[in-house]
C-alpha atoms as a PDB file:
ATOM      1  CA  MET A   1     -15.195  34.826  17.031  1.00  0.00           C
ATOM      2  CA  SER A   2     -18.045  32.317  17.234  1.00  0.00           C
ATOM      3  CA  ILE A   3     -18.390  28.569  16.712  1.00  0.00           C
ATOM      4  CA  SER A   4     -19.155  29.212  13.044  1.00  0.00           C
ATOM      5  CA  ASP A   5     -15.546  30.408  12.701  1.00  0.00           C
ATOM      6  CA  ILE A   6     -14.088  27.170  14.100  1.00  0.00           C
ATOM      7  CA  ARG A   7     -12.541  24.874  11.465  1.00  0.00           C
ATOM      8  CA  ILE A   8     -11.988  21.218  12.295  1.00  0.00           C
ATOM      9  CA  VAL A   9     -10.578  18.231  10.402  1.00  0.00           C
ATOM     10  CA  ALA A  10     -10.884  14.631  11.585  1.00  0.00           C
ATOM     11  CA  PHE A  11      -9.233  11.479  10.272  1.00  0.00           C
ATOM     12  CA  GLY A  12     -10.866   8.093  10.606  1.00  0.00           C
ATOM     13  CA  HIS A  13     -12.514   5.011   9.183  1.00  0.00           C
ATOM     14  CA  PRO A  14     -14.531   5.386   5.955  1.00  0.00           C
ATOM     15  CA  LEU A  15     -17.526   3.772   7.658  1.00  0.00           C
ATOM     16  CA  LYS A  16     -17.626   6.829   9.929  1.00  0.00           C
ATOM     17  CA  ASN A  17     -18.114   4.597  12.943  1.00  0.00           C
ATOM     18  CA  ASP A  18     -15.255   5.817  15.116  1.00  0.00           C
ATOM     19  CA  ASN A  19     -14.823   8.380  17.867  1.00  0.00           C
ATOM     20  CA  ALA A  20     -13.052  10.934  15.691  1.00  0.00           C
ATOM     21  CA  TYR A  21     -16.021  11.119  13.330  1.00  0.00           C
ATOM     22  CA  ALA A  22     -18.470  11.246  16.250  1.00  0.00           C
ATOM     23  CA  VAL A  23     -16.769  14.337  17.686  1.00  0.00           C
ATOM     24  CA  LEU A  24     -16.624  15.891  14.210  1.00  0.00           C
ATOM     25  CA  SER A  25     -20.345  15.265  13.730  1.00  0.00           C
ATOM     26  CA  HIS A  26     -21.209  16.828  17.087  1.00  0.00           C
ATOM     27  CA  SER A  27     -18.989  19.805  16.221  1.00  0.00           C
ATOM     28  CA  GLU A  28     -20.766  20.282  12.909  1.00  0.00           C
ATOM     29  CA  SER A  29     -24.147  20.263  14.661  1.00  0.00           C
ATOM     30  CA  LEU A  30     -22.843  23.074  16.885  1.00  0.00           C
ATOM     31  CA  GLY A  31     -22.003  25.134  13.807  1.00  0.00           C
ATOM     32  CA  ALA A  32     -18.296  24.459  13.226  1.00  0.00           C
ATOM     33  CA  LYS A  33     -16.917  24.054   9.699  1.00  0.00           C
ATOM     34  CA  VAL A  34     -15.731  20.465   9.388  1.00  0.00           C
ATOM     35  CA  HIS A  35     -13.973  18.076   7.014  1.00  0.00           C
ATOM     36  CA  PHE A  36     -13.563  14.310   7.345  1.00  0.00           C
ATOM     37  CA  SER A  37     -10.442  12.690   5.856  1.00  0.00           C
ATOM     38  CA  THR A  38     -10.232   8.982   5.087  1.00  0.00           C
ATOM     39  CA  CYS A  39      -9.260   6.599   2.276  1.00  0.00           C
ATOM     40  CA  LYS A  40     -10.842   6.623  -1.182  1.00  0.00           C
ATOM     41  CA  ASP A  41     -14.004   4.607  -1.810  1.00  0.00           C
ATOM     42  CA  ASN A  42     -12.142   1.904  -3.740  1.00  0.00           C
ATOM     43  CA  GLU A  43      -9.403   1.422  -1.126  1.00  0.00           C
ATOM     44  CA  SER A  44      -9.056  -0.791   1.923  1.00  0.00           C
ATOM     45  CA  PHE A  45      -8.537   1.399   4.966  1.00  0.00           C
ATOM     46  CA  ALA A  46      -5.946  -0.978   6.423  1.00  0.00           C
ATOM     47  CA  ASN A  47      -3.562  -0.535   3.492  1.00  0.00           C
ATOM     48  CA  PHE A  48      -4.683   2.517   1.516  1.00  0.00           C
ATOM     49  CA  ASP A  49      -2.327   5.002  -0.144  1.00  0.00           C
ATOM     50  CA  HIS A  50      -1.881   7.262   2.868  1.00  0.00           C
ATOM     51  CA  GLY A  51       0.715   9.341   1.018  1.00  0.00           C
ATOM     52  CA  ALA A  52      -2.030  10.687  -1.228  1.00  0.00           C
ATOM     53  CA  ILE A  53      -3.519  12.721   1.631  1.00  0.00           C
ATOM     54  CA  ASN A  54      -2.441  16.357   1.324  1.00  0.00           C
ATOM     55  CA  TRP A  55      -2.063  17.039   5.032  1.00  0.00           C
ATOM     56  CA  ARG A  56      -0.426  20.413   4.486  1.00  0.00           C
ATOM     57  CA  GLU A  57      -3.507  21.648   2.636  1.00  0.00           C
ATOM     58  CA  LEU A  58      -5.983  19.990   4.999  1.00  0.00           C
ATOM     59  CA  THR A  59      -4.433  21.370   8.173  1.00  0.00           C
ATOM     60  CA  ASN A  60      -3.593  24.854   6.940  1.00  0.00           C
ATOM     61  CA  GLY A  61      -5.578  27.405   8.927  1.00  0.00           C
ATOM     62  CA  ILE A  62      -7.671  24.944  10.941  1.00  0.00           C
ATOM     63  CA  HIS A  63      -8.164  25.076  14.693  1.00  0.00           C
ATOM     64  CA  TRP A  64      -8.234  21.357  15.454  1.00  0.00           C
ATOM     65  CA  LEU A  65      -7.159  18.037  13.962  1.00  0.00           C
ATOM     66  CA  ILE A  66      -9.069  15.193  15.643  1.00  0.00           C
ATOM     67  CA  ASN A  67      -7.706  11.650  15.860  1.00  0.00           C
ATOM     68  CA  SER A  68      -8.730   8.526  17.718  1.00  0.00           C
ATOM     69  CA  ALA A  69      -5.851   6.432  19.061  1.00  0.00           C
ATOM     70  CA  GLU A  70      -7.625   3.176  18.207  1.00  0.00           C
ATOM     71  CA  THR A  71      -7.401   3.999  14.488  1.00  0.00           C
ATOM     72  CA  MET A  72      -3.717   3.038  14.455  1.00  0.00           C
ATOM     73  CA  LEU A  73      -4.641  -0.548  15.318  1.00  0.00           C
ATOM     74  CA  ILE A  74      -6.430  -1.077  12.006  1.00  0.00           C
ATOM     75  CA  GLY A  75      -3.268  -1.246   9.906  1.00  0.00           C
ATOM     76  CA  ASP A  76       0.047   0.320   8.912  1.00  0.00           C
ATOM     77  CA  SER A  77      -1.567   2.827   6.552  1.00  0.00           C
ATOM     78  CA  PRO A  78      -3.923   4.374   9.136  1.00  0.00           C
ATOM     79  CA  LYS A  79      -1.053   4.440  11.632  1.00  0.00           C
ATOM     80  CA  SER A  80       1.219   6.227   9.151  1.00  0.00           C
ATOM     81  CA  ALA A  81      -1.557   8.635   8.194  1.00  0.00           C
ATOM     82  CA  LEU A  82      -2.149   9.505  11.836  1.00  0.00           C
ATOM     83  CA  GLY A  83       1.515  10.303  12.333  1.00  0.00           C
ATOM     84  CA  ALA A  84       1.797  12.325   9.133  1.00  0.00           C
ATOM     85  CA  GLY A  85      -1.328  14.317   9.919  1.00  0.00           C
ATOM     86  CA  MET A  86      -0.046  15.210  13.367  1.00  0.00           C
ATOM     87  CA  THR A  87       3.362  16.231  12.004  1.00  0.00           C
ATOM     88  CA  PHE A  88       2.002  18.420   9.215  1.00  0.00           C
ATOM     89  CA  GLY A  89      -0.709  19.783  11.464  1.00  0.00           C
ATOM     90  CA  GLU A  90       1.869  20.867  14.001  1.00  0.00           C
ATOM     91  CA  LEU A  91       3.884  22.600  11.260  1.00  0.00           C
ATOM     92  CA  GLU A  92       0.768  24.383   9.987  1.00  0.00           C
ATOM     93  CA  GLY A  93      -0.185  25.582  13.458  1.00  0.00           C
ATOM     94  CA  SER A  94      -3.270  23.438  14.026  1.00  0.00           C
ATOM     95  CA  ARG A  95      -3.823  21.859  17.418  1.00  0.00           C
ATOM     96  CA  MET A  96      -4.189  18.144  17.994  1.00  0.00           C
ATOM     97  CA  VAL A  97      -7.092  16.444  19.727  1.00  0.00           C
ATOM     98  CA  MET A  98      -6.455  12.801  20.612  1.00  0.00           C
ATOM     99  CA  ILE A  99      -9.264  10.555  21.853  1.00  0.00           C
ATOM    100  CA  VAL A 100      -8.350   7.440  23.795  1.00  0.00           C
ATOM    101  CA  ASP A 101     -10.895   4.665  24.212  1.00  0.00           C
ATOM    102  CA  VAL A 102     -10.723   0.969  25.030  1.00  0.00           C
ATOM    103  CA  PRO A 103     -10.401  -0.954  21.704  1.00  0.00           C
ATOM    104  CA  ASP A 104     -12.689  -3.826  20.743  1.00  0.00           C
ATOM    105  CA  VAL A 105      -9.871  -6.141  21.856  1.00  0.00           C
ATOM    106  CA  SER A 106      -9.265  -4.597  25.243  1.00  0.00           C
ATOM    107  CA  SER A 107      -5.704  -5.898  25.545  1.00  0.00           C
ATOM    108  CA  ASP A 108      -4.753  -3.784  22.519  1.00  0.00           C
ATOM    109  CA  ILE A 109      -5.024  -0.625  24.585  1.00  0.00           C
ATOM    110  CA  SER A 110      -1.365  -0.931  25.585  1.00  0.00           C
ATOM    111  CA  GLU A 111      -0.391  -0.627  21.908  1.00  0.00           C
ATOM    112  CA  SER A 112      -2.651   2.330  21.155  1.00  0.00           C
ATOM    113  CA  TRP A 113      -1.622   4.051  24.383  1.00  0.00           C
ATOM    114  CA  GLY A 114       2.032   3.504  23.442  1.00  0.00           C
ATOM    115  CA  PHE A 115       1.362   5.368  20.181  1.00  0.00           C
ATOM    116  CA  VAL A 116      -0.120   8.254  22.162  1.00  0.00           C
ATOM    117  CA  ILE A 117       2.819   8.375  24.571  1.00  0.00           C
ATOM    118  CA  ASN A 118       5.305   8.486  21.697  1.00  0.00           C
ATOM    119  CA  ARG A 119       3.571  11.544  20.243  1.00  0.00           C
ATOM    120  CA  ILE A 120       2.266  13.139  23.403  1.00  0.00           C
ATOM    121  CA  ARG A 121       4.206  16.389  22.949  1.00  0.00           C
ATOM    122  CA  GLN A 122       2.223  17.016  19.752  1.00  0.00           C
ATOM    123  CA  ILE A 123      -1.147  16.734  21.494  1.00  0.00           C
ATOM    124  CA  HIS A 124      -3.006  19.792  22.762  1.00  0.00           C
ATOM    125  CA  VAL A 125      -6.198  18.138  24.057  1.00  0.00           C
ATOM    126  CA  LEU A 126      -6.028  14.533  25.256  1.00  0.00           C
ATOM    127  CA  PHE A 127      -9.441  13.058  26.022  1.00  0.00           C
ATOM    128  CA  LEU A 128      -9.944   9.751  27.826  1.00  0.00           C
ATOM    129  CA  THR A 129     -13.362   8.121  27.654  1.00  0.00           C
ATOM    130  CA  PRO A 130     -14.725   6.846  30.989  1.00  0.00           C
ATOM    131  CA  ASN A 131     -13.693   3.286  30.093  1.00  0.00           C
ATOM    132  CA  ALA A 132     -10.225   4.438  29.072  1.00  0.00           C
ATOM    133  CA  LEU A 133      -9.870   6.361  32.315  1.00  0.00           C
ATOM    134  CA  HIS A 134     -10.041   3.067  34.214  1.00  0.00           C
ATOM    135  CA  ALA A 135      -7.840   1.174  31.752  1.00  0.00           C
ATOM    136  CA  ILE A 136      -5.080   3.799  31.604  1.00  0.00           C
ATOM    137  CA  SER A 137      -5.014   4.143  35.377  1.00  0.00           C
ATOM    138  CA  LYS A 138      -4.190   0.429  35.551  1.00  0.00           C
ATOM    139  CA  LEU A 139      -1.567   0.659  32.795  1.00  0.00           C
ATOM    140  CA  GLU A 140       0.119   3.615  34.460  1.00  0.00           C
ATOM    141  CA  GLY A 141      -0.255   2.256  37.984  1.00  0.00           C
ATOM    142  CA  VAL A 142      -1.988   5.437  39.123  1.00  0.00           C
ATOM    143  CA  THR A 143      -5.324   5.866  40.871  1.00  0.00           C
ATOM    144  CA  ILE A 144      -8.256   7.034  38.746  1.00  0.00           C
ATOM    145  CA  GLU A 145      -8.386  10.218  40.809  1.00  0.00           C
ATOM    146  CA  ASN A 146      -4.810  11.113  39.859  1.00  0.00           C
ATOM    147  CA  VAL A 147      -4.352   9.659  36.394  1.00  0.00           C
ATOM    148  CA  LEU A 148      -5.248  12.804  34.428  1.00  0.00           C
ATOM    149  CA  LYS A 149      -2.931  14.966  36.510  1.00  0.00           C
ATOM    150  CA  GLU A 150      -0.091  12.434  36.206  1.00  0.00           C
ATOM    151  CA  ILE A 151      -0.464  12.330  32.420  1.00  0.00           C
ATOM    152  CA  ARG A 152      -0.503  16.116  32.181  1.00  0.00           C
ATOM    153  CA  ASN A 153       2.506  16.540  34.422  1.00  0.00           C
ATOM    154  CA  LYS A 154       4.577  13.895  32.648  1.00  0.00           C
ATOM    155  CA  GLY A 155       3.584  14.737  29.081  1.00  0.00           C
ATOM    156  CA  LEU A 156       3.051  18.487  29.503  1.00  0.00           C
ATOM    157  CA  VAL A 157      -0.179  18.199  27.529  1.00  0.00           C
ATOM    158  CA  PRO A 158      -2.022  21.546  27.772  1.00  0.00           C
ATOM    159  CA  HIS A 159      -5.419  19.863  28.365  1.00  0.00           C
ATOM    160  CA  VAL A 160      -6.017  16.324  29.662  1.00  0.00           C
ATOM    161  CA  CYS A 161      -9.686  15.641  30.233  1.00  0.00           C
ATOM    162  CA  SER A 162     -12.583  13.234  30.603  1.00  0.00           C
ATOM    163  CA  TYR A 163     -16.342  13.399  30.978  1.00  0.00           C
ATOM    164  CA  ILE A 164     -18.072  10.809  33.149  1.00  0.00           C
ATOM    165  CA  ASP A 165     -21.619  10.765  31.842  1.00  0.00           C
ATOM    166  CA  SER A 166     -22.955   8.603  34.673  1.00  0.00           C
ATOM    167  CA  GLN A 167     -22.150  11.501  37.015  1.00  0.00           C
ATOM    168  CA  ASN A 168     -22.426  14.465  34.590  1.00  0.00           C
ATOM    169  CA  ARG A 169     -18.872  15.107  35.749  1.00  0.00           C
ATOM    170  CA  VAL A 170     -16.199  17.081  33.903  1.00  0.00           C
ATOM    171  CA  LEU A 171     -12.545  16.489  34.761  1.00  0.00           C
ATOM    172  CA  VAL A 172      -9.867  18.692  33.215  1.00  0.00           C
ATOM    173  CA  GLU A 173      -6.207  19.068  34.074  1.00  0.00           C
ATOM    174  CA  HIS A 174      -4.682  22.006  32.251  1.00  0.00           C
ATOM    175  CA  SER A 175      -1.601  24.191  32.408  1.00  0.00           C
ATOM    176  CA  LEU A 176      -3.286  26.741  34.664  1.00  0.00           C
ATOM    177  CA  GLY A 177      -5.162  24.501  37.075  1.00  0.00           C
ATOM    178  CA  SER A 178      -7.634  21.686  37.664  1.00  0.00           C
ATOM    179  CA  ILE A 179     -11.365  21.523  37.069  1.00  0.00           C
ATOM    180  CA  ASP A 180     -13.844  19.085  38.600  1.00  0.00           C
ATOM    181  CA  LEU A 181     -17.461  20.091  38.137  1.00  0.00           C
ATOM    182  CA  VAL A 182     -20.922  18.845  37.202  1.00  0.00           C
ATOM    183  CA  THR A 183     -22.862  19.851  34.103  1.00  0.00           C
ATOM    184  CA  GLU A 184     -26.544  20.750  34.344  1.00  0.00           C
ATOM    185  CA  LYS A 185     -27.596  18.058  31.901  1.00  0.00           C
ATOM    186  CA  THR A 186     -26.243  14.679  30.925  1.00  0.00           C
ATOM    187  CA  LEU A 187     -24.129  14.681  27.791  1.00  0.00           C
ATOM    188  CA  GLU A 188     -22.485  11.906  25.844  1.00  0.00           C
ATOM    189  CA  PRO A 189     -18.725  12.053  26.539  1.00  0.00           C
ATOM    190  CA  LEU A 190     -17.867  12.790  22.897  1.00  0.00           C
ATOM    191  CA  GLU A 191     -20.621  15.393  22.708  1.00  0.00           C
ATOM    192  CA  TRP A 192     -19.057  17.155  25.700  1.00  0.00           C
ATOM    193  CA  LEU A 193     -15.638  17.029  24.001  1.00  0.00           C
ATOM    194  CA  ALA A 194     -17.075  18.621  20.846  1.00  0.00           C
ATOM    195  CA  ARG A 195     -18.585  21.435  22.892  1.00  0.00           C
ATOM    196  CA  TYR A 196     -15.297  21.917  24.720  1.00  0.00           C
ATOM    197  CA  ILE A 197     -13.079  22.239  21.647  1.00  0.00           C
ATOM    198  CA  CYS A 198     -15.621  24.388  19.803  1.00  0.00           C
ATOM    199  CA  ASN A 199     -15.717  26.908  22.647  1.00  0.00           C
ATOM    200  CA  LEU A 200     -12.139  26.781  23.917  1.00  0.00           C
ATOM    201  CA  PRO A 201     -10.535  28.934  21.164  1.00  0.00           C
ATOM    202  CA  PHE A 202     -12.595  32.010  22.012  1.00  0.00           C
ATOM    203  CA  SER A 203     -12.900  31.590  25.781  1.00  0.00           C
ATOM    204  CA  GLU A 204     -10.895  34.042  27.838  1.00  0.00           C
ATOM    205  CA  SER A 205      -7.516  32.943  29.122  1.00  0.00           C
ATOM    206  CA  GLY A 206      -6.953  31.433  32.541  1.00  0.00           C
ATOM    207  CA  ASN A 207      -8.818  28.907  34.640  1.00  0.00           C
ATOM    208  CA  SER A 208     -12.092  30.837  34.309  1.00  0.00           C
ATOM    209  CA  GLY A 209     -11.916  30.588  30.508  1.00  0.00           C
ATOM    210  CA  VAL A 210     -11.337  26.846  30.590  1.00  0.00           C
ATOM    211  CA  LYS A 211     -14.203  26.468  33.066  1.00  0.00           C
ATOM    212  CA  LYS A 212     -16.505  28.430  30.748  1.00  0.00           C
ATOM    213  CA  ALA A 213     -15.584  26.155  27.818  1.00  0.00           C
ATOM    214  CA  CYS A 214     -16.312  23.131  30.016  1.00  0.00           C
ATOM    215  CA  LEU A 215     -19.858  24.320  30.650  1.00  0.00           C
ATOM    216  CA  SER A 216     -20.701  25.718  27.215  1.00  0.00           C
END
């Protein structure tokens, strides 16, 4: 298997200005086969006909479904679409990637984080941006150094991770161990995430395999 065999779907805003689309775009540049799902051109994203999305077809046979938690803040339709996509994706065997960032209205992070917590058992890779890492540590009352491990232990998420670009630092808590290392070059956090999910499916099992995906 190679990156060209990886199939990824992302759901997000039609303007393609969100984190889910950014990771999808980086994944495509690496060679993955990608598809972006959103509302129709003549619809408002906040209240579009989310039931028209054929999630069963979209998620059948894919490796990853990428969502950004902040999308649910835009309206009831995006929120419902997020939930439906995760449910059908789980049934079809695809794995969920959830990106958590600090929303434009920073106080709204408690609402978007609540959405994540309610569906945390459906998430396979939970990625916190550097800003979210600080914000969630405050919400959870846990130090930044321990917040990823606390989330993984409580939610049993297979991979909880972040990439601190100011330090070229990768942080991953996973079911087989912990990783804290430095990449050779500086990457954008979402670029690192794209590399990680594109390489994870064909890395060998165990801590060494996760470490290899972190540095790919």
